[in-house]
Amino acid sequence: MLNRRHMLTTTRNRFKALAVPSRNHRASAALHLFATLAVAGVLLASASVTSAAVLPEVPLDKATQGEGNKGISYRPLDPLGNPAAFVLTARSDIDTAQPFTATAPGQGGTVYIGKDGAGVQNASAGGSKGISGGGGDADEELIFTYDAPVLLGDIRVFLADIEFGKGLNDKDDPIIFLSLAGSGIYGVTALEAAVFGAFTDTGGKTGWVDFGTLTALSNTTPIDAFKIRETNDHIYVTGVTPVPEPAICSLMLAGGLTLLARRRRTQA
């Protein structure tokens, strides 16, 4: 009898000893999976920045946005049809005597998207369809306001019908104004020479501006808005990156937690 009880006790203890590593193994596997997903998310995020040189995350073309005047402000759609994480607004009739002043007086404009990209029309939805630095509504600018701060080094702006000249008043003279996160002002100005220096020409009067090399600021500087103004000829914006960093992190975390929950249900 004693031997039998001893055998039963020994057997139970062995099963307990086996059960503990099993639970620990599951916990370890779950943590390993989460870590793997986090690393994969970071790599995917990095890959998206690299691929930005080829394809914008939010195309501002008629195929994605539909052609026509979008009104005073417009939240674009991403390629999947979801609302983008930024809003476009426009200004026209900006004082041509103050081309380098971010707060130069002007009038509210409207956003237009057509076959060449996004541009600006006047408040009555008239005028040319690009961002114009000439004509009756000059100067014009397109404003991008992000829902959450974005790292400066992650931003790419894709342009069309752009042709740099030999300085001011020769062909296109684009100027970019940056708003540092939380500042509430466009305190950083990049003139045509800086825009040209950060521009990658892809042929056919198209290319993209790398904000990481646009100014002397660190690539990790967060900004919450920028605007691009044309002061001589006209240009179009055909796309922009990126998705704000907090949104990327939230998507990564949500995806990781969902997969972990599924794994636990499967093992239960």
Protein backbone atom coordinates (compact mmCIF):
# COMPACT_ATOMS: atom_id res chain seq x y z
CA MET A 1 0.00 0.00 0.00
CA LEU A 2 2.79 2.38 0.94
CA ASN A 3 4.63 1.54 -2.21
CA ARG A 4 1.50 2.25 -4.26
CA ARG A 5 0.96 5.62 -2.58
CA HIS A 6 4.61 6.43 -3.06
CA MET A 7 4.34 5.59 -6.75
CA LEU A 8 1.22 7.77 -7.15
CA THR A 9 2.86 10.68 -5.37
CA THR A 10 5.99 10.34 -7.42
CA THR A 11 3.97 10.22 -10.61
CA ARG A 12 1.97 13.35 -9.67
CA ASN A 13 5.17 15.22 -8.83
CA ARG A 14 6.67 14.26 -12.16
CA PHE A 15 3.61 15.56 -14.00
CA LYS A 16 3.77 18.82 -12.02
CA ALA A 17 7.44 19.15 -12.86
CA LEU A 18 6.60 18.67 -16.51
CA ALA A 19 3.66 21.10 -16.36
CA VAL A 20 5.67 24.03 -15.04
CA PRO A 21 8.17 24.10 -17.91
CA SER A 22 5.21 23.76 -20.28
CA ARG A 23 3.60 26.93 -18.96
CA ASN A 24 6.94 28.70 -18.90
CA HIS A 25 7.57 27.55 -22.44
CA ARG A 26 4.24 28.99 -23.61
CA ALA A 27 4.96 32.31 -21.90
CA SER A 28 8.44 32.36 -23.35
CA ALA A 29 7.10 31.53 -26.80
CA ALA A 30 4.53 34.32 -26.51
CA LEU A 31 7.17 36.85 -25.52
CA HIS A 32 9.42 35.63 -28.31
CA LEU A 33 6.59 36.03 -30.82
CA PHE A 34 5.82 39.55 -29.61
CA ALA A 35 9.49 40.54 -29.82
CA THR A 36 9.71 39.06 -33.31
CA LEU A 37 6.63 41.01 -34.40
CA ALA A 38 8.05 44.21 -32.97
CA VAL A 39 11.34 43.75 -34.82
CA ALA A 40 9.47 42.89 -38.01
CA GLY A 41 7.35 46.01 -37.60
CA VAL A 42 10.41 48.19 -37.23
CA LEU A 43 11.96 46.61 -40.32
CA LEU A 44 8.75 47.14 -42.27
CA ALA A 45 8.60 50.75 -41.14
CA SER A 46 12.19 51.25 -42.23
CA ALA A 47 11.48 49.57 -45.54
CA SER A 48 8.53 51.90 -46.12
CA VAL A 49 10.82 54.91 -45.69
CA THR A 50 13.30 53.45 -48.17
CA SER A 51 10.58 52.66 -50.68
CA ALA A 52 9.28 56.22 -50.40
CA ALA A 53 11.84 57.13 -53.04
CA VAL A 54 9.81 55.02 -55.47
CA LEU A 55 6.19 55.37 -54.38
CA PRO A 56 4.38 57.85 -52.09
CA GLU A 57 2.23 56.43 -49.31
CA VAL A 58 -0.61 58.81 -50.22
CA PRO A 59 -0.85 59.55 -53.96
CA LEU A 60 -2.50 62.88 -54.72
CA ASP A 61 -3.80 61.94 -58.14
CA LYS A 62 -7.22 61.63 -59.73
CA ALA A 63 -7.03 57.82 -59.74
CA THR A 64 -6.90 57.75 -55.92
CA GLN A 65 -8.66 60.98 -54.96
CA GLY A 66 -11.01 61.59 -57.86
CA GLU A 67 -10.72 64.63 -60.10
CA GLY A 68 -12.12 68.03 -59.20
CA ASN A 69 -12.18 70.85 -56.72
CA LYS A 70 -12.15 69.52 -53.15
CA GLY A 71 -13.10 72.71 -51.33
CA ILE A 72 -11.32 74.78 -48.71
CA SER A 73 -9.87 71.74 -46.94
CA TYR A 74 -9.59 68.11 -47.91
CA ARG A 75 -8.53 64.91 -46.18
CA PRO A 76 -7.09 62.64 -48.89
CA LEU A 77 -7.58 58.88 -49.13
CA ASP A 78 -4.80 56.33 -49.03
CA PRO A 79 -4.58 53.65 -51.78
CA LEU A 80 -6.91 51.40 -49.73
CA GLY A 81 -9.58 54.08 -49.55
CA ASN A 82 -8.99 54.95 -45.89
CA PRO A 83 -8.69 58.57 -44.68
CA ALA A 84 -5.09 59.76 -44.72
CA ALA A 85 -3.43 61.07 -41.54
CA PHE A 86 -3.21 64.66 -42.77
CA VAL A 87 -5.41 67.43 -44.12
CA LEU A 88 -4.78 69.66 -47.12
CA THR A 89 -5.71 73.34 -47.13
CA ALA A 90 -4.89 76.05 -49.64
CA ARG A 91 -4.13 79.74 -49.84
CA SER A 92 -4.09 82.01 -52.87
CA ASP A 93 -3.48 85.70 -53.62
CA ILE A 94 -0.55 85.73 -51.19
CA ASP A 95 1.25 89.07 -51.14
CA THR A 96 3.88 88.79 -53.88
CA ALA A 97 5.99 91.42 -52.14
CA GLN A 98 6.57 88.98 -49.24
CA PRO A 99 7.48 85.68 -50.94
CA PHE A 100 9.75 84.50 -48.10
CA THR A 101 7.36 85.36 -45.25
CA ALA A 102 5.32 82.41 -44.01
CA THR A 103 2.64 84.71 -42.57
CA ALA A 104 2.35 86.96 -45.64
CA PRO A 105 -1.27 88.09 -46.06
CA GLY A 106 -3.40 86.25 -48.59
CA GLN A 107 -6.81 84.72 -49.15
CA GLY A 108 -8.24 81.30 -48.54
CA GLY A 109 -8.03 79.09 -51.58
CA THR A 110 -9.43 75.70 -52.54
CA VAL A 111 -7.72 72.37 -53.16
CA TYR A 112 -7.85 70.95 -56.68
CA ILE A 113 -6.76 67.47 -57.73
CA GLY A 114 -6.48 66.52 -61.36
CA LYS A 115 -4.46 64.54 -63.85
CA ASP A 116 -1.23 66.37 -62.96
CA GLY A 117 -1.59 66.18 -59.17
CA ALA A 118 -2.77 68.49 -56.39
CA GLY A 119 -2.84 72.24 -56.75
CA VAL A 120 -4.67 75.38 -55.69
CA GLN A 121 -7.59 77.36 -57.05
CA ASN A 122 -9.07 80.57 -55.67
CA ALA A 123 -11.96 80.72 -53.21
CA SER A 124 -14.44 80.69 -56.10
CA ALA A 125 -12.87 77.49 -57.49
CA GLY A 126 -11.46 79.43 -60.41
CA GLY A 127 -8.01 80.01 -61.83
CA SER A 128 -5.34 77.55 -62.83
CA LYS A 129 -5.15 74.08 -61.27
CA GLY A 130 -1.54 74.04 -60.08
CA ILE A 131 0.24 75.85 -57.28
CA SER A 132 0.87 79.09 -59.13
CA GLY A 133 3.35 81.88 -58.68
CA GLY A 134 2.00 83.83 -61.63
CA GLY A 135 -1.34 85.03 -62.96
CA GLY A 136 -4.19 86.72 -61.18
CA ASP A 137 -4.12 84.51 -58.05
CA ALA A 138 -0.36 84.52 -57.37
CA ASP A 139 1.25 83.53 -55.10
CA GLU A 140 -0.31 80.22 -53.99
CA GLU A 141 0.54 77.55 -51.43
CA LEU A 142 -0.66 74.09 -50.41
CA ILE A 143 -0.63 73.32 -46.68
CA PHE A 144 -0.20 69.86 -45.13
CA THR A 145 -1.30 69.45 -41.50
CA TYR A 146 -0.60 66.06 -39.89
CA ASP A 147 -2.85 64.50 -37.25
CA ALA A 148 0.25 63.61 -35.20
CA PRO A 149 3.88 64.78 -35.39
CA VAL A 150 6.07 63.24 -38.08
CA LEU A 151 9.85 62.90 -38.07
CA LEU A 152 11.45 65.35 -40.49
CA GLY A 153 13.73 62.72 -42.01
CA ASP A 154 10.77 60.52 -42.95
CA ILE A 155 8.99 63.07 -45.14
CA ARG A 156 9.10 62.92 -48.93
CA VAL A 157 7.07 65.26 -51.14
CA PHE A 158 6.58 64.24 -54.76
CA LEU A 159 6.33 67.04 -57.32
CA ALA A 160 5.36 67.29 -60.97
CA ASP A 161 5.81 69.90 -63.70
CA ILE A 162 8.72 71.33 -61.74
CA GLU A 163 11.71 72.90 -63.44
CA PHE A 164 14.39 74.69 -61.48
CA GLY A 165 15.98 77.73 -63.09
CA LYS A 166 19.08 79.77 -62.36
CA GLY A 167 17.77 81.54 -59.30
CA LEU A 168 14.80 83.72 -58.43
CA ASN A 169 12.31 84.64 -61.14
CA ASP A 170 13.64 81.97 -63.48
CA LYS A 171 11.26 79.05 -64.03
CA ASP A 172 9.97 77.49 -60.76
CA ASP A 173 10.80 79.07 -57.39
CA PRO A 174 9.29 76.78 -54.72
CA ILE A 175 9.61 77.63 -51.03
CA ILE A 176 8.83 75.25 -48.16
CA PHE A 177 7.86 76.39 -44.65
CA LEU A 178 8.04 73.98 -41.69
CA SER A 179 6.13 74.03 -38.41
CA LEU A 180 8.01 72.33 -35.58
CA ALA A 181 5.69 70.16 -33.48
CA GLY A 182 3.90 72.20 -30.84
CA SER A 183 5.33 75.54 -31.99
CA GLY A 184 2.19 76.77 -33.71
CA ILE A 185 4.24 78.74 -36.24
CA TYR A 186 6.07 78.10 -39.49
CA GLY A 187 9.44 78.97 -38.05
CA VAL A 188 11.73 77.24 -40.57
CA THR A 189 12.02 78.35 -44.19
CA ALA A 190 13.68 76.45 -47.04
CA LEU A 191 14.27 78.63 -50.09
CA GLU A 192 14.57 77.45 -53.69
CA ALA A 193 18.27 76.60 -53.41
CA ALA A 194 17.59 74.32 -50.42
CA VAL A 195 14.65 72.67 -52.16
CA PHE A 196 16.80 72.06 -55.21
CA GLY A 197 19.55 70.57 -53.05
CA ALA A 198 17.11 68.10 -51.48
CA PHE A 199 15.45 67.23 -54.80
CA THR A 200 15.82 63.91 -56.63
CA ASP A 201 14.99 64.29 -60.32
CA THR A 202 13.09 61.30 -61.74
CA GLY A 203 12.74 62.71 -65.25
CA GLY A 204 9.94 64.39 -67.13
CA LYS A 205 9.89 67.38 -64.76
CA THR A 206 9.06 65.11 -61.82
CA GLY A 207 10.88 64.17 -58.64
CA TRP A 208 10.73 64.24 -54.89
CA VAL A 209 12.04 66.40 -52.06
CA ASP A 210 13.76 64.68 -49.13
CA PHE A 211 12.98 66.70 -46.00
CA GLY A 212 15.86 64.95 -44.23
CA THR A 213 18.33 66.98 -46.29
CA LEU A 214 16.17 70.07 -46.74
CA THR A 215 17.45 71.93 -43.66
CA ALA A 216 20.19 71.72 -41.02
CA LEU A 217 17.71 70.25 -38.54
CA SER A 218 18.12 66.69 -37.25
CA ASN A 219 16.22 63.95 -39.06
CA THR A 220 14.51 63.15 -35.76
CA THR A 221 13.00 66.64 -35.44
CA PRO A 222 9.20 66.27 -35.20
CA ILE A 223 7.03 68.57 -37.28
CA ASP A 224 3.25 68.78 -37.42
CA ALA A 225 2.74 70.81 -40.60
CA PHE A 226 4.44 72.21 -43.66
CA LYS A 227 3.45 74.23 -46.69
CA ILE A 228 4.86 74.58 -50.15
CA ARG A 229 4.53 77.90 -51.96
CA GLU A 230 5.27 78.69 -55.60
CA THR A 231 6.46 82.24 -56.26
CA ASN A 232 7.12 82.32 -59.99
CA ASP A 233 5.73 79.61 -62.30
CA HIS A 234 3.60 76.62 -61.24
CA ILE A 235 4.00 73.10 -59.82
CA TYR A 236 1.87 70.16 -58.63
CA VAL A 237 2.16 67.83 -55.65
CA THR A 238 1.60 64.21 -56.67
CA GLY A 239 2.12 62.46 -53.34
CA VAL A 240 3.49 62.62 -49.83
CA THR A 241 4.82 60.44 -47.04
CA PRO A 242 4.70 59.27 -44.32
CA VAL A 243 2.08 57.85 -41.98
CA PRO A 244 2.76 59.59 -38.62
CA GLU A 245 5.00 57.54 -36.29
CA PRO A 246 2.39 57.13 -33.50
CA ALA A 247 0.02 55.59 -36.03
CA ILE A 248 2.69 53.12 -37.18
CA CYS A 249 3.43 52.12 -33.59
CA SER A 250 -0.26 51.69 -32.80
CA LEU A 251 -0.76 49.46 -35.82
CA MET A 252 2.26 47.36 -34.88
CA LEU A 253 1.07 46.98 -31.27
CA ALA A 254 -2.50 46.15 -32.29
CA GLY A 255 -1.30 43.57 -34.78
CA GLY A 256 1.05 41.98 -32.25
CA LEU A 257 -1.61 41.75 -29.54
CA THR A 258 -4.14 40.26 -31.97
CA LEU A 259 -1.72 37.51 -33.04
CA LEU A 260 -0.82 36.77 -29.42
CA ALA A 261 -4.50 36.46 -28.49
CA ARG A 262 -5.09 34.05 -31.37
CA ARG A 263 -2.05 31.97 -30.38
CA ARG A 264 -3.28 31.69 -26.78
CA ARG A 265 -6.77 30.60 -27.88
CA THR A 266 -5.22 27.96 -30.12
CA GLN A 267 -3.05 26.60 -27.30
CA ALA A 268 -5.87 26.61 -24.73
